[in-house]
Amino acid sequence: MFPGLGRGINPRKMASMMKQMGIDVTEIENVEEVIIRTPQKDIIFKDAEVSIMDARGMKTYQIIGTPQEVTREIRIPDEDVKLVMEQAKTNETDAMSALKESKGDIAAAILKLSRPG
């Protein structure tokens, strides 16, 4: 994309070229942590360096660091726990456990608790 980049281009010249193309890059100082959340996991950067590239109003964030992936625990609504408790005639702890094992599937949790043994 930038001719001569691989041959040790002068950083000032690179900045000047980017400025001419309407691209501005700034660093975010003193970043403590960056977290990317998905329904299944969090990706956490504790040693993140973050820069923003602004190309004519379109901002792109770049994160440099060591990611750590943490699986997110499924959140079970209270209403689901109560429904499983009523239908399976069980206590809250067992209902919650069955819902977590079935990844929030109410019918599967009720069936699991209703089966003998």
Protein backbone atom coordinates (compact mmCIF):
# COMPACT_ATOMS: atom_id res chain seq x y z
CA MET A 1 0.00 0.00 0.00
CA PHE A 2 2.84 2.39 0.84
CA PRO A 3 5.81 2.14 -1.55
CA GLY A 4 9.13 1.76 0.23
CA LEU A 5 7.56 0.80 3.54
CA GLY A 6 9.55 -2.42 3.80
CA ARG A 7 12.83 -0.58 3.13
CA GLY A 8 12.90 1.52 6.28
CA ILE A 9 10.91 4.61 5.30
CA ASN A 10 11.45 7.66 7.47
CA PRO A 11 8.64 7.85 10.09
CA ARG A 12 8.29 11.61 9.54
CA LYS A 13 7.91 11.09 5.81
CA MET A 14 5.32 8.35 6.46
CA ALA A 15 3.37 10.67 8.77
CA SER A 16 3.53 13.42 6.16
CA MET A 17 2.29 11.08 3.41
CA MET A 18 -0.58 9.86 5.59
CA LYS A 19 -1.52 13.46 6.48
CA GLN A 20 -1.62 14.32 2.74
CA MET A 21 -4.01 11.40 2.19
CA GLY A 22 -6.24 12.65 5.01
CA ILE A 23 -5.18 9.96 7.48
CA ASP A 24 -4.41 10.94 11.06
CA VAL A 25 -3.03 8.43 13.61
CA THR A 26 -3.08 9.13 17.35
CA GLU A 27 -2.19 7.02 20.36
CA ILE A 28 -4.51 6.68 23.36
CA GLU A 29 -2.33 7.27 26.40
CA ASN A 30 -2.42 5.29 29.67
CA VAL A 31 -4.72 2.49 28.50
CA GLU A 32 -5.31 0.18 31.46
CA GLU A 33 -7.34 -2.58 29.82
CA VAL A 34 -9.30 -3.38 26.66
CA ILE A 35 -12.15 -5.92 26.74
CA ILE A 36 -13.90 -7.36 23.68
CA ARG A 37 -17.12 -9.11 24.73
CA THR A 38 -18.92 -11.79 22.74
CA PRO A 39 -21.81 -13.96 23.96
CA GLN A 40 -19.41 -16.87 24.53
CA LYS A 41 -16.19 -15.22 25.76
CA ASP A 42 -14.33 -12.06 26.74
CA ILE A 43 -11.01 -11.21 25.09
CA ILE A 44 -8.99 -9.14 27.56
CA PHE A 45 -5.86 -7.10 26.80
CA LYS A 46 -4.19 -5.93 30.04
CA ASP A 47 -1.03 -4.66 28.32
CA ALA A 48 -2.80 -2.93 25.42
CA GLU A 49 -1.41 -0.18 23.25
CA VAL A 50 -4.27 1.47 21.36
CA SER A 51 -4.06 3.78 18.37
CA ILE A 52 -6.80 5.46 16.36
CA MET A 53 -6.49 5.91 12.61
CA ASP A 54 -8.90 8.58 11.37
CA ALA A 55 -9.27 8.45 7.60
CA ARG A 56 -11.61 11.30 6.67
CA GLY A 57 -14.03 10.66 9.52
CA MET A 58 -13.84 6.85 9.48
CA LYS A 59 -12.11 5.80 12.70
CA THR A 60 -10.30 2.49 13.04
CA TYR A 61 -8.96 1.33 16.40
CA GLN A 62 -5.85 -0.84 16.53
CA ILE A 63 -5.02 -2.88 19.63
CA ILE A 64 -1.56 -4.28 20.19
CA GLY A 65 -0.99 -6.57 23.17
CA THR A 66 -1.36 -10.06 24.55
CA PRO A 67 -4.97 -11.29 24.56
CA GLN A 68 -6.38 -13.54 27.25
CA GLU A 69 -9.62 -15.37 26.46
CA VAL A 70 -12.10 -15.96 29.29
CA THR A 71 -15.24 -18.05 28.78
CA ARG A 72 -18.34 -16.15 29.85
CA GLU A 73 -20.74 -17.77 32.26
CA ILE A 74 -24.28 -18.04 30.95
CA ARG A 75 -26.76 -15.71 32.67
CA ILE A 76 -29.95 -17.48 33.72
CA PRO A 77 -33.02 -15.23 34.27
CA ASP A 78 -34.82 -15.64 37.61
CA GLU A 79 -38.08 -16.39 35.77
CA ASP A 80 -36.47 -19.40 34.07
CA VAL A 81 -35.23 -20.74 37.40
CA LYS A 82 -38.70 -20.36 38.95
CA LEU A 83 -40.35 -22.10 36.00
CA VAL A 84 -37.95 -25.06 36.18
CA MET A 85 -38.44 -25.26 39.97
CA GLU A 86 -42.24 -25.40 39.57
CA GLN A 87 -42.32 -27.82 36.66
CA ALA A 88 -39.67 -30.22 38.00
CA LYS A 89 -40.76 -29.81 41.63
CA THR A 90 -37.21 -29.10 42.78
CA ASN A 91 -35.23 -26.49 44.69
CA GLU A 92 -33.50 -23.37 43.33
CA THR A 93 -29.99 -24.81 43.48
CA ASP A 94 -30.88 -27.90 41.44
CA ALA A 95 -32.92 -25.84 38.96
CA MET A 96 -30.03 -23.42 38.43
CA SER A 97 -27.55 -26.27 38.04
CA ALA A 98 -29.73 -28.02 35.44
CA LEU A 99 -30.22 -24.78 33.51
CA LYS A 100 -26.47 -24.13 33.43
CA GLU A 101 -25.78 -27.70 32.27
CA SER A 102 -28.37 -27.32 29.51
CA LYS A 103 -27.01 -23.87 28.54
CA GLY A 104 -30.27 -22.17 29.47
CA ASP A 105 -32.59 -24.61 27.68
CA ILE A 106 -35.63 -24.72 29.97
CA ALA A 107 -37.18 -27.87 28.48
CA ALA A 108 -33.88 -29.80 28.68
CA ALA A 109 -33.42 -28.71 32.30
CA ILE A 110 -36.93 -29.84 33.27
CA LEU A 111 -36.44 -33.20 31.52
CA LYS A 112 -33.07 -33.71 33.23
CA LEU A 113 -34.60 -33.08 36.66
CA SER A 114 -37.75 -35.12 35.97
CA ARG A 115 -35.92 -38.31 35.00
CA PRO A 116 -35.48 -40.82 37.78
CA GLY A 117 -31.98 -41.61 39.00
